[in-house]
Amino acid sequence: MDGLPPSPALLPHSCRKTMTPTQFTALLSRLGLTQVGAAKALGISDRQMRRYVAGQSDIPPPIVKLLRLVLAGGVTIEDVARL
């Protein structure tokens, strides 16, 4: 064993959640983003954004990390949209 935590893909589904839909919606609100605006900046479809907000799909950790970085002031949402 190399001492590293298991890959998220190897964890049970219930252990992979990084943020609840309610937390995600609150984060978007704190950033002043609509679902459509956030979807566009993140390069995902409006439909996929609705799935995240409704809890029908897990919110991928990279999306959470990017939005938290925006909240912390490390980058702007415009920077994210240009990625």
C-alpha atoms as a PDB file:
ATOM      1  CA  MET A   1       0.000   0.000   0.000  1.00  0.00           C
ATOM      2  CA  ASP A   2       1.424   3.390  -0.952  1.00  0.00           C
ATOM      3  CA  GLY A   3      -0.312   5.363   1.825  1.00  0.00           C
ATOM      4  CA  LEU A   4      -2.494   7.301  -0.591  1.00  0.00           C
ATOM      5  CA  PRO A   5      -6.238   7.525  -0.047  1.00  0.00           C
ATOM      6  CA  PRO A   6      -8.327   5.376  -2.389  1.00  0.00           C
ATOM      7  CA  SER A   7      -9.311   6.841  -5.712  1.00  0.00           C
ATOM      8  CA  PRO A   8     -12.795   8.441  -5.582  1.00  0.00           C
ATOM      9  CA  ALA A   9     -13.834   6.064  -8.347  1.00  0.00           C
ATOM     10  CA  LEU A  10     -13.173   3.156  -5.982  1.00  0.00           C
ATOM     11  CA  LEU A  11     -15.254   4.557  -3.121  1.00  0.00           C
ATOM     12  CA  PRO A  12     -18.926   3.713  -2.628  1.00  0.00           C
ATOM     13  CA  HIS A  13     -21.251   6.145  -4.399  1.00  0.00           C
ATOM     14  CA  SER A  14     -22.380   7.706  -1.108  1.00  0.00           C
ATOM     15  CA  CYS A  15     -18.786   8.595  -0.159  1.00  0.00           C
ATOM     16  CA  ARG A  16     -18.004  10.518  -3.334  1.00  0.00           C
ATOM     17  CA  LYS A  17     -20.301  13.492  -2.791  1.00  0.00           C
ATOM     18  CA  THR A  18     -18.370  16.696  -2.354  1.00  0.00           C
ATOM     19  CA  MET A  19     -21.287  19.094  -1.937  1.00  0.00           C
ATOM     20  CA  THR A  20     -25.018  18.775  -1.508  1.00  0.00           C
ATOM     21  CA  PRO A  21     -27.375  20.381  -4.020  1.00  0.00           C
ATOM     22  CA  THR A  22     -28.430  22.881  -1.334  1.00  0.00           C
ATOM     23  CA  GLN A  23     -24.819  23.850  -0.666  1.00  0.00           C
ATOM     24  CA  PHE A  24     -24.171  24.091  -4.399  1.00  0.00           C
ATOM     25  CA  THR A  25     -27.163  26.378  -4.924  1.00  0.00           C
ATOM     26  CA  ALA A  26     -26.047  28.550  -1.991  1.00  0.00           C
ATOM     27  CA  LEU A  27     -22.545  28.790  -3.465  1.00  0.00           C
ATOM     28  CA  LEU A  28     -23.926  29.893  -6.829  1.00  0.00           C
ATOM     29  CA  SER A  29     -26.028  32.490  -5.036  1.00  0.00           C
ATOM     30  CA  ARG A  30     -23.031  33.808  -3.048  1.00  0.00           C
ATOM     31  CA  LEU A  31     -21.162  34.171  -6.316  1.00  0.00           C
ATOM     32  CA  GLY A  32     -24.095  36.021  -7.887  1.00  0.00           C
ATOM     33  CA  LEU A  33     -24.444  33.354 -10.561  1.00  0.00           C
ATOM     34  CA  THR A  34     -27.585  32.028 -12.151  1.00  0.00           C
ATOM     35  CA  GLN A  35     -27.715  28.363 -13.056  1.00  0.00           C
ATOM     36  CA  VAL A  36     -27.502  29.308 -16.730  1.00  0.00           C
ATOM     37  CA  GLY A  37     -24.571  31.672 -16.160  1.00  0.00           C
ATOM     38  CA  ALA A  38     -22.693  29.122 -14.088  1.00  0.00           C
ATOM     39  CA  ALA A  39     -23.320  26.389 -16.659  1.00  0.00           C
ATOM     40  CA  LYS A  40     -21.987  28.593 -19.430  1.00  0.00           C
ATOM     41  CA  ALA A  41     -18.870  29.565 -17.457  1.00  0.00           C
ATOM     42  CA  LEU A  42     -18.187  25.951 -16.505  1.00  0.00           C
ATOM     43  CA  GLY A  43     -18.733  24.647 -20.024  1.00  0.00           C
ATOM     44  CA  ILE A  44     -21.611  22.352 -19.118  1.00  0.00           C
ATOM     45  CA  SER A  45     -25.164  22.184 -20.398  1.00  0.00           C
ATOM     46  CA  ASP A  46     -28.065  23.894 -18.673  1.00  0.00           C
ATOM     47  CA  ARG A  47     -29.622  20.452 -18.347  1.00  0.00           C
ATOM     48  CA  GLN A  48     -26.599  19.076 -16.499  1.00  0.00           C
ATOM     49  CA  MET A  49     -26.636  22.093 -14.176  1.00  0.00           C
ATOM     50  CA  ARG A  50     -30.307  21.379 -13.391  1.00  0.00           C
ATOM     51  CA  ARG A  51     -29.341  17.777 -12.558  1.00  0.00           C
ATOM     52  CA  TYR A  52     -26.736  18.996 -10.071  1.00  0.00           C
ATOM     53  CA  VAL A  53     -29.175  21.427  -8.440  1.00  0.00           C
ATOM     54  CA  ALA A  54     -31.921  18.792  -8.277  1.00  0.00           C
ATOM     55  CA  GLY A  55     -29.584  16.189  -6.797  1.00  0.00           C
ATOM     56  CA  GLN A  56     -30.004  13.892  -9.796  1.00  0.00           C
ATOM     57  CA  SER A  57     -26.255  13.897 -10.498  1.00  0.00           C
ATOM     58  CA  ASP A  58     -23.299  14.227  -8.153  1.00  0.00           C
ATOM     59  CA  ILE A  59     -21.453  17.510  -8.509  1.00  0.00           C
ATOM     60  CA  PRO A  60     -17.946  16.689  -9.737  1.00  0.00           C
ATOM     61  CA  PRO A  61     -15.144  17.703  -7.352  1.00  0.00           C
ATOM     62  CA  PRO A  62     -13.356  19.820 -10.016  1.00  0.00           C
ATOM     63  CA  ILE A  63     -16.483  21.979 -10.425  1.00  0.00           C
ATOM     64  CA  VAL A  64     -16.733  22.461  -6.674  1.00  0.00           C
ATOM     65  CA  LYS A  65     -13.036  23.334  -6.464  1.00  0.00           C
ATOM     66  CA  LEU A  66     -13.281  25.876  -9.280  1.00  0.00           C
ATOM     67  CA  LEU A  67     -16.276  27.610  -7.723  1.00  0.00           C
ATOM     68  CA  ARG A  68     -14.633  27.663  -4.289  1.00  0.00           C
ATOM     69  CA  LEU A  69     -11.543  29.202  -5.875  1.00  0.00           C
ATOM     70  CA  VAL A  70     -13.745  31.900  -7.412  1.00  0.00           C
ATOM     71  CA  LEU A  71     -15.366  32.494  -4.013  1.00  0.00           C
ATOM     72  CA  ALA A  72     -11.936  32.837  -2.396  1.00  0.00           C
ATOM     73  CA  GLY A  73     -10.950  35.421  -4.991  1.00  0.00           C
ATOM     74  CA  GLY A  74      -8.227  33.300  -6.542  1.00  0.00           C
ATOM     75  CA  VAL A  75      -9.759  33.609 -10.000  1.00  0.00           C
ATOM     76  CA  THR A  76     -12.806  35.241 -11.525  1.00  0.00           C
ATOM     77  CA  ILE A  77     -15.698  33.406 -13.116  1.00  0.00           C
ATOM     78  CA  GLU A  78     -14.562  34.995 -16.382  1.00  0.00           C
ATOM     79  CA  ASP A  79     -11.173  33.304 -15.918  1.00  0.00           C
ATOM     80  CA  VAL A  80     -12.950  29.991 -15.455  1.00  0.00           C
ATOM     81  CA  ALA A  81     -15.035  30.573 -18.592  1.00  0.00           C
ATOM     82  CA  ARG A  82     -11.840  31.089 -20.610  1.00  0.00           C
ATOM     83  CA  LEU A  83     -10.377  27.711 -19.576  1.00  0.00           C
END
